[in-house]
């Protein structure tokens, strides 16, 4: 599984139900079976906001293992 994590953070992920909001709960985060699907979602998100919106979040694509490991080590 792959997640879209806000660039520069360890615990902020794109929400499954609203790609314009973030969550720190992996159970609410958008998941993708294949990396190519996550890349596609990231491109659609970026295109939907246009180039004017400076508040756009940038996302990194990470694996489920990385997400769980980093969340476990934040505390």
PDB file of N, CA and C in Angstrom:
ATOM      1  N   UNK A   1       0.840  -1.189   0.000  1.00  0.00           N
ATOM      2  CA  UNK A   1       0.000   0.000   0.000  1.00  0.00           C
ATOM      3  C   UNK A   1       0.880   1.247   0.000  1.00  0.00           C
ATOM      4  N   UNK A   2       0.341   2.295  -0.608  1.00  0.00           N
ATOM      5  CA  UNK A   2       1.053   3.561  -0.676  1.00  0.00           C
ATOM      6  C   UNK A   2       0.168   4.679  -0.124  1.00  0.00           C
ATOM      7  N   UNK A   3       0.812   5.651   0.494  1.00  0.00           N
ATOM      8  CA  UNK A   3       0.125   6.827   1.044  1.00  0.00           C
ATOM      9  C   UNK A   3       0.699   8.084   0.423  1.00  0.00           C
ATOM     10  N   UNK A   4      -0.097   9.152   0.432  1.00  0.00           N
ATOM     11  CA  UNK A   4       0.379  10.473   0.028  1.00  0.00           C
ATOM     12  C   UNK A   4       0.572  11.286   1.308  1.00  0.00           C
ATOM     13  N   UNK A   5       1.818  11.564   1.628  1.00  0.00           N
ATOM     14  CA  UNK A   5       2.145  12.297   2.854  1.00  0.00           C
ATOM     15  C   UNK A   5       2.563  13.729   2.492  1.00  0.00           C
ATOM     16  N   UNK A   6       2.121  14.685   3.300  1.00  0.00           N
ATOM     17  CA  UNK A   6       2.500  16.073   3.069  1.00  0.00           C
ATOM     18  C   UNK A   6       4.016  16.183   3.186  1.00  0.00           C
ATOM     19  N   UNK A   7       4.614  16.760   2.150  1.00  0.00           N
ATOM     20  CA  UNK A   7       6.066  16.893   2.094  1.00  0.00           C
ATOM     21  C   UNK A   7       6.571  17.668   3.315  1.00  0.00           C
ATOM     22  N   UNK A   8       7.629  17.156   3.927  1.00  0.00           N
ATOM     23  CA  UNK A   8       8.229  17.812   5.075  1.00  0.00           C
ATOM     24  C   UNK A   8       7.623  17.420   6.412  1.00  0.00           C
ATOM     25  N   UNK A   9       6.620  16.540   6.404  1.00  0.00           N
ATOM     26  CA  UNK A   9       6.014  16.077   7.652  1.00  0.00           C
ATOM     27  C   UNK A   9       6.204  14.576   7.784  1.00  0.00           C
ATOM     28  N   UNK A  10       5.928  14.062   8.976  1.00  0.00           N
ATOM     29  CA  UNK A  10       5.966  12.612   9.179  1.00  0.00           C
ATOM     30  C   UNK A  10       4.590  12.048   9.489  1.00  0.00           C
ATOM     31  N   UNK A  11       3.624  12.923   9.823  1.00  0.00           N
ATOM     32  CA  UNK A  11       2.324  12.404  10.262  1.00  0.00           C
ATOM     33  C   UNK A  11       1.124  13.126   9.649  1.00  0.00           C
ATOM     34  N   UNK A  12       1.275  13.687   8.467  1.00  0.00           N
ATOM     35  CA  UNK A  12       0.152  14.353   7.800  1.00  0.00           C
ATOM     36  C   UNK A  12      -0.064  13.701   6.431  1.00  0.00           C
ATOM     37  N   UNK A  13      -1.248  13.105   6.256  1.00  0.00           N
ATOM     38  CA  UNK A  13      -1.540  12.348   5.039  1.00  0.00           C
ATOM     39  C   UNK A  13      -2.811  12.868   4.369  1.00  0.00           C
ATOM     40  N   UNK A  14      -2.890  12.685   3.050  1.00  0.00           N
ATOM     41  CA  UNK A  14      -4.102  13.050   2.322  1.00  0.00           C
ATOM     42  C   UNK A  14      -5.250  12.178   2.818  1.00  0.00           C
ATOM     43  N   UNK A  15      -6.375  12.816   3.104  1.00  0.00           N
ATOM     44  CA  UNK A  15      -7.558  12.071   3.576  1.00  0.00           C
ATOM     45  C   UNK A  15      -8.202  11.289   2.434  1.00  0.00           C
ATOM     46  N   UNK A  16      -8.782  10.172   2.780  1.00  0.00           N
ATOM     47  CA  UNK A  16      -9.475   9.331   1.807  1.00  0.00           C
ATOM     48  C   UNK A  16     -10.736  10.013   1.298  1.00  0.00           C
ATOM     49  N   UNK A  17     -11.485  10.653   2.213  1.00  0.00           N
ATOM     50  CA  UNK A  17     -12.781  11.225   1.847  1.00  0.00           C
ATOM     51  C   UNK A  17     -12.702  12.666   1.343  1.00  0.00           C
ATOM     52  N   UNK A  18     -11.551  13.333   1.532  1.00  0.00           N
ATOM     53  CA  UNK A  18     -11.406  14.707   1.062  1.00  0.00           C
ATOM     54  C   UNK A  18      -9.929  14.985   0.791  1.00  0.00           C
ATOM     55  N   UNK A  19      -9.522  14.971  -0.473  1.00  0.00           N
ATOM     56  CA  UNK A  19      -8.102  15.136  -0.804  1.00  0.00           C
ATOM     57  C   UNK A  19      -7.551  16.520  -0.483  1.00  0.00           C
ATOM     58  N   UNK A  20      -8.417  17.463  -0.130  1.00  0.00           N
ATOM     59  CA  UNK A  20      -7.951  18.820   0.178  1.00  0.00           C
ATOM     60  C   UNK A  20      -7.707  19.017   1.674  1.00  0.00           C
ATOM     61  N   UNK A  21      -7.944  17.983   2.461  1.00  0.00           N
ATOM     62  CA  UNK A  21      -7.683  18.018   3.898  1.00  0.00           C
ATOM     63  C   UNK A  21      -6.670  16.937   4.230  1.00  0.00           C
ATOM     64  N   UNK A  22      -6.023  17.081   5.383  1.00  0.00           N
ATOM     65  CA  UNK A  22      -5.046  16.083   5.807  1.00  0.00           C
ATOM     66  C   UNK A  22      -5.476  15.455   7.134  1.00  0.00           C
ATOM     67  N   UNK A  23      -4.882  14.305   7.429  1.00  0.00           N
ATOM     68  CA  UNK A  23      -5.158  13.593   8.667  1.00  0.00           C
ATOM     69  C   UNK A  23      -3.866  12.983   9.182  1.00  0.00           C
ATOM     70  N   UNK A  24      -3.795  12.761  10.492  1.00  0.00           N
ATOM     71  CA  UNK A  24      -2.640  12.062  11.050  1.00  0.00           C
ATOM     72  C   UNK A  24      -3.006  10.619  11.390  1.00  0.00           C
ATOM     73  N   UNK A  25      -4.239  10.222  11.088  1.00  0.00           N
ATOM     74  CA  UNK A  25      -4.725   8.867  11.358  1.00  0.00           C
ATOM     75  C   UNK A  25      -4.655   8.034  10.076  1.00  0.00           C
ATOM     76  N   UNK A  26      -3.829   7.010  10.084  1.00  0.00           N
ATOM     77  CA  UNK A  26      -3.675   6.188   8.871  1.00  0.00           C
ATOM     78  C   UNK A  26      -4.978   5.522   8.443  1.00  0.00           C
ATOM     79  N   UNK A  27      -5.892   5.272   9.388  1.00  0.00           N
ATOM     80  CA  UNK A  27      -7.158   4.636   9.017  1.00  0.00           C
ATOM     81  C   UNK A  27      -8.047   5.588   8.205  1.00  0.00           C
ATOM     82  N   UNK A  28      -7.793   6.893   8.270  1.00  0.00           N
ATOM     83  CA  UNK A  28      -8.558   7.878   7.497  1.00  0.00           C
ATOM     84  C   UNK A  28      -7.814   8.325   6.247  1.00  0.00           C
ATOM     85  N   UNK A  29      -6.561   7.910   6.105  1.00  0.00           N
ATOM     86  CA  UNK A  29      -5.734   8.351   4.982  1.00  0.00           C
ATOM     87  C   UNK A  29      -6.069   7.580   3.705  1.00  0.00           C
ATOM     88  N   UNK A  30      -5.872   8.262   2.588  1.00  0.00           N
ATOM     89  CA  UNK A  30      -6.075   7.622   1.284  1.00  0.00           C
ATOM     90  C   UNK A  30      -4.974   6.587   1.073  1.00  0.00           C
ATOM     91  N   UNK A  31      -5.358   5.388   0.632  1.00  0.00           N
ATOM     92  CA  UNK A  31      -4.380   4.337   0.348  1.00  0.00           C
ATOM     93  C   UNK A  31      -4.515   3.899  -1.098  1.00  0.00           C
ATOM     94  N   UNK A  32      -3.412   3.451  -1.641  1.00  0.00           N
ATOM     95  CA  UNK A  32      -3.381   3.015  -3.041  1.00  0.00           C
ATOM     96  C   UNK A  32      -2.627   1.706  -3.124  1.00  0.00           C
ATOM     97  N   UNK A  33      -3.182   0.760  -3.869  1.00  0.00           N
ATOM     98  CA  UNK A  33      -2.564  -0.554  -4.022  1.00  0.00           C
ATOM     99  C   UNK A  33      -1.254  -0.463  -4.801  1.00  0.00           C
ATOM    100  N   UNK A  34      -1.237   0.402  -5.805  1.00  0.00           N
ATOM    101  CA  UNK A  34      -0.058   0.506  -6.671  1.00  0.00           C
ATOM    102  C   UNK A  34       0.457   1.935  -6.663  1.00  0.00           C
ATOM    103  N   UNK A  35       1.761   2.066  -6.765  1.00  0.00           N
ATOM    104  CA  UNK A  35       2.378   3.386  -6.742  1.00  0.00           C
ATOM    105  C   UNK A  35       1.875   4.263  -7.886  1.00  0.00           C
ATOM    106  N   UNK A  36       1.621   3.660  -9.032  1.00  0.00           N
ATOM    107  CA  UNK A  36       1.157   4.429 -10.188  1.00  0.00           C
ATOM    108  C   UNK A  36      -0.189   5.095  -9.894  1.00  0.00           C
ATOM    109  N   UNK A  37      -1.028   4.470  -9.073  1.00  0.00           N
ATOM    110  CA  UNK A  37      -2.316   5.067  -8.706  1.00  0.00           C
ATOM    111  C   UNK A  37      -2.110   6.281  -7.801  1.00  0.00           C
ATOM    112  N   UNK A  38      -1.140   6.184  -6.895  1.00  0.00           N
ATOM    113  CA  UNK A  38      -0.830   7.315  -6.019  1.00  0.00           C
ATOM    114  C   UNK A  38      -0.269   8.475  -6.829  1.00  0.00           C
ATOM    115  N   UNK A  39       0.577   8.175  -7.799  1.00  0.00           N
ATOM    116  CA  UNK A  39       1.141   9.216  -8.671  1.00  0.00           C
ATOM    117  C   UNK A  39       0.016   9.908  -9.434  1.00  0.00           C
ATOM    118  N   UNK A  40      -0.911   9.124  -9.941  1.00  0.00           N
ATOM    119  CA  UNK A  40      -2.043   9.677 -10.688  1.00  0.00           C
ATOM    120  C   UNK A  40      -2.891  10.585  -9.807  1.00  0.00           C
ATOM    121  N   UNK A  41      -3.167  10.150  -8.577  1.00  0.00           N
ATOM    122  CA  UNK A  41      -3.982  10.956  -7.651  1.00  0.00           C
ATOM    123  C   UNK A  41      -3.287  12.271  -7.323  1.00  0.00           C
ATOM    124  N   UNK A  42      -1.988  12.195  -7.131  1.00  0.00           N
ATOM    125  CA  UNK A  42      -1.190  13.383  -6.834  1.00  0.00           C
ATOM    126  C   UNK A  42      -1.267  14.379  -7.995  1.00  0.00           C
ATOM    127  N   UNK A  43      -1.199  13.883  -9.228  1.00  0.00           N
ATOM    128  CA  UNK A  43      -1.266  14.751 -10.405  1.00  0.00           C
ATOM    129  C   UNK A  43      -2.645  15.374 -10.560  1.00  0.00           C
ATOM    130  N   UNK A  44      -3.697  14.609 -10.300  1.00  0.00           N
ATOM    131  CA  UNK A  44      -5.064  15.122 -10.384  1.00  0.00           C
ATOM    132  C   UNK A  44      -5.279  16.203  -9.326  1.00  0.00           C
ATOM    133  N   UNK A  45      -4.789  15.970  -8.112  1.00  0.00           N
ATOM    134  CA  UNK A  45      -4.902  16.952  -7.034  1.00  0.00           C
ATOM    135  C   UNK A  45      -4.225  18.263  -7.441  1.00  0.00           C
ATOM    136  N   UNK A  46      -3.016  18.154  -7.953  1.00  0.00           N
ATOM    137  CA  UNK A  46      -2.256  19.340  -8.344  1.00  0.00           C
ATOM    138  C   UNK A  46      -2.966  20.096  -9.469  1.00  0.00           C
ATOM    139  N   UNK A  47      -3.460  19.369 -10.462  1.00  0.00           N
ATOM    140  CA  UNK A  47      -4.142  19.996 -11.596  1.00  0.00           C
ATOM    141  C   UNK A  47      -5.458  20.643 -11.169  1.00  0.00           C
ATOM    142  N   UNK A  48      -6.133  20.059 -10.188  1.00  0.00           N
ATOM    143  CA  UNK A  48      -7.437  20.580  -9.774  1.00  0.00           C
ATOM    144  C   UNK A  48      -7.316  21.930  -9.077  1.00  0.00           C
ATOM    145  N   UNK A  49      -6.150  22.215  -8.501  1.00  0.00           N
ATOM    146  CA  UNK A  49      -5.967  23.478  -7.796  1.00  0.00           C
ATOM    147  C   UNK A  49      -5.454  24.589  -8.699  1.00  0.00           C
ATOM    148  N   UNK A  50      -4.940  24.228  -9.860  1.00  0.00           N
ATOM    149  CA  UNK A  50      -4.387  25.238 -10.756  1.00  0.00           C
ATOM    150  C   UNK A  50      -3.034  25.717 -10.264  1.00  0.00           C
ATOM    151  N   UNK A  51      -2.471  26.659 -10.969  1.00  0.00           N
ATOM    152  CA  UNK A  51      -1.128  27.128 -10.627  1.00  0.00           C
ATOM    153  C   UNK A  51      -1.150  28.375  -9.765  1.00  0.00           C
ATOM    154  N   UNK A  52      -2.304  28.982  -9.562  1.00  0.00           N
ATOM    155  CA  UNK A  52      -2.398  30.229  -8.802  1.00  0.00           C
ATOM    156  C   UNK A  52      -2.366  29.972  -7.299  1.00  0.00           C
ATOM    157  N   UNK A  53      -2.945  28.870  -6.863  1.00  0.00           N
ATOM    158  CA  UNK A  53      -3.106  28.593  -5.434  1.00  0.00           C
ATOM    159  C   UNK A  53      -1.767  28.290  -4.768  1.00  0.00           C
ATOM    160  N   UNK A  54      -1.241  29.236  -4.028  1.00  0.00           N
ATOM    161  CA  UNK A  54       0.061  29.081  -3.359  1.00  0.00           C
ATOM    162  C   UNK A  54      -0.047  28.236  -2.087  1.00  0.00           C
ATOM    163  N   UNK A  55      -1.261  28.004  -1.611  1.00  0.00           N
ATOM    164  CA  UNK A  55      -1.435  27.228  -0.384  1.00  0.00           C
ATOM    165  C   UNK A  55      -1.457  25.726  -0.661  1.00  0.00           C
ATOM    166  N   UNK A  56      -1.275  25.351  -1.900  1.00  0.00           N
ATOM    167  CA  UNK A  56      -1.322  23.939  -2.268  1.00  0.00           C
ATOM    168  C   UNK A  56      -0.276  23.136  -1.500  1.00  0.00           C
ATOM    169  N   UNK A  57      -0.691  22.029  -0.941  1.00  0.00           N
ATOM    170  CA  UNK A  57       0.243  21.156  -0.248  1.00  0.00           C
ATOM    171  C   UNK A  57       0.969  20.287  -1.272  1.00  0.00           C
ATOM    172  N   UNK A  58       2.211  20.013  -1.001  1.00  0.00           N
ATOM    173  CA  UNK A  58       2.979  19.117  -1.857  1.00  0.00           C
ATOM    174  C   UNK A  58       3.058  17.777  -1.132  1.00  0.00           C
ATOM    175  N   UNK A  59       2.908  16.701  -1.883  1.00  0.00           N
ATOM    176  CA  UNK A  59       2.868  15.364  -1.290  1.00  0.00           C
ATOM    177  C   UNK A  59       4.008  14.481  -1.764  1.00  0.00           C
ATOM    178  N   UNK A  60       4.512  13.671  -0.848  1.00  0.00           N
ATOM    179  CA  UNK A  60       5.455  12.600  -1.162  1.00  0.00           C
ATOM    180  C   UNK A  60       4.674  11.296  -1.159  1.00  0.00           C
ATOM    181  N   UNK A  61       5.093  10.360  -1.969  1.00  0.00           N
ATOM    182  CA  UNK A  61       4.473   9.036  -1.985  1.00  0.00           C
ATOM    183  C   UNK A  61       5.361   8.109  -1.166  1.00  0.00           C
ATOM    184  N   UNK A  62       4.772   7.500  -0.132  1.00  0.00           N
ATOM    185  CA  UNK A  62       5.542   6.604   0.728  1.00  0.00           C
ATOM    186  C   UNK A  62       4.816   5.269   0.880  1.00  0.00           C
ATOM    187  N   UNK A  63       5.562   4.262   1.304  1.00  0.00           N
ATOM    188  CA  UNK A  63       4.959   2.941   1.505  1.00  0.00           C
ATOM    189  C   UNK A  63       4.307   2.858   2.870  1.00  0.00           C
ATOM    190  N   UNK A  64       3.444   1.878   3.016  1.00  0.00           N
ATOM    191  CA  UNK A  64       2.752   1.656   4.286  1.00  0.00           C
ATOM    192  C   UNK A  64       3.751   1.388   5.412  1.00  0.00           C
ATOM    193  N   UNK A  65       4.800   0.624   5.111  1.00  0.00           N
ATOM    194  CA  UNK A  65       5.794   0.289   6.126  1.00  0.00           C
ATOM    195  C   UNK A  65       6.475   1.550   6.662  1.00  0.00           C
ATOM    196  N   UNK A  66       6.851   2.456   5.761  1.00  0.00           N
ATOM    197  CA  UNK A  66       7.501   3.705   6.166  1.00  0.00           C
ATOM    198  C   UNK A  66       6.543   4.541   7.012  1.00  0.00           C
ATOM    199  N   UNK A  67       5.294   4.635   6.586  1.00  0.00           N
ATOM    200  CA  UNK A  67       4.295   5.429   7.314  1.00  0.00           C
ATOM    201  C   UNK A  67       4.122   4.911   8.738  1.00  0.00           C
ATOM    202  N   UNK A  68       3.957   3.613   8.880  1.00  0.00           N
ATOM    203  CA  UNK A  68       3.740   3.029  10.212  1.00  0.00           C
ATOM    204  C   UNK A  68       4.973   3.149  11.087  1.00  0.00           C
ATOM    205  N   UNK A  69       6.147   2.960  10.517  1.00  0.00           N
ATOM    206  CA  UNK A  69       7.388   3.054  11.271  1.00  0.00           C
ATOM    207  C   UNK A  69       7.592   4.478  11.797  1.00  0.00           C
ATOM    208  N   UNK A  70       7.409   5.466  10.924  1.00  0.00           N
ATOM    209  CA  UNK A  70       7.637   6.852  11.324  1.00  0.00           C
ATOM    210  C   UNK A  70       6.599   7.333  12.330  1.00  0.00           C
ATOM    211  N   UNK A  71       5.341   6.892  12.193  1.00  0.00           N
ATOM    212  CA  UNK A  71       4.315   7.277  13.174  1.00  0.00           C
ATOM    213  C   UNK A  71       4.648   6.673  14.534  1.00  0.00           C
ATOM    214  N   UNK A  72       5.164   5.469  14.556  1.00  0.00           N
ATOM    215  CA  UNK A  72       5.500   4.802  15.817  1.00  0.00           C
ATOM    216  C   UNK A  72       6.660   5.487  16.520  1.00  0.00           C
ATOM    217  N   UNK A  73       7.496   6.188  15.777  1.00  0.00           N
ATOM    218  CA  UNK A  73       8.685   6.805  16.364  1.00  0.00           C
ATOM    219  C   UNK A  73       8.564   8.312  16.587  1.00  0.00           C
ATOM    220  N   UNK A  74       7.374   8.866  16.427  1.00  0.00           N
ATOM    221  CA  UNK A  74       7.174  10.309  16.626  1.00  0.00           C
ATOM    222  C   UNK A  74       7.151  10.663  18.107  1.00  0.00           C
ATOM    223  N   UNK A  75       6.451   9.838  18.895  1.00  0.00           N
ATOM    224  CA  UNK A  75       6.184  10.117  20.278  1.00  0.00           C
ATOM    225  C   UNK A  75       7.330  10.481  21.137  1.00  0.00           C
TER     226      UNK A  75
END
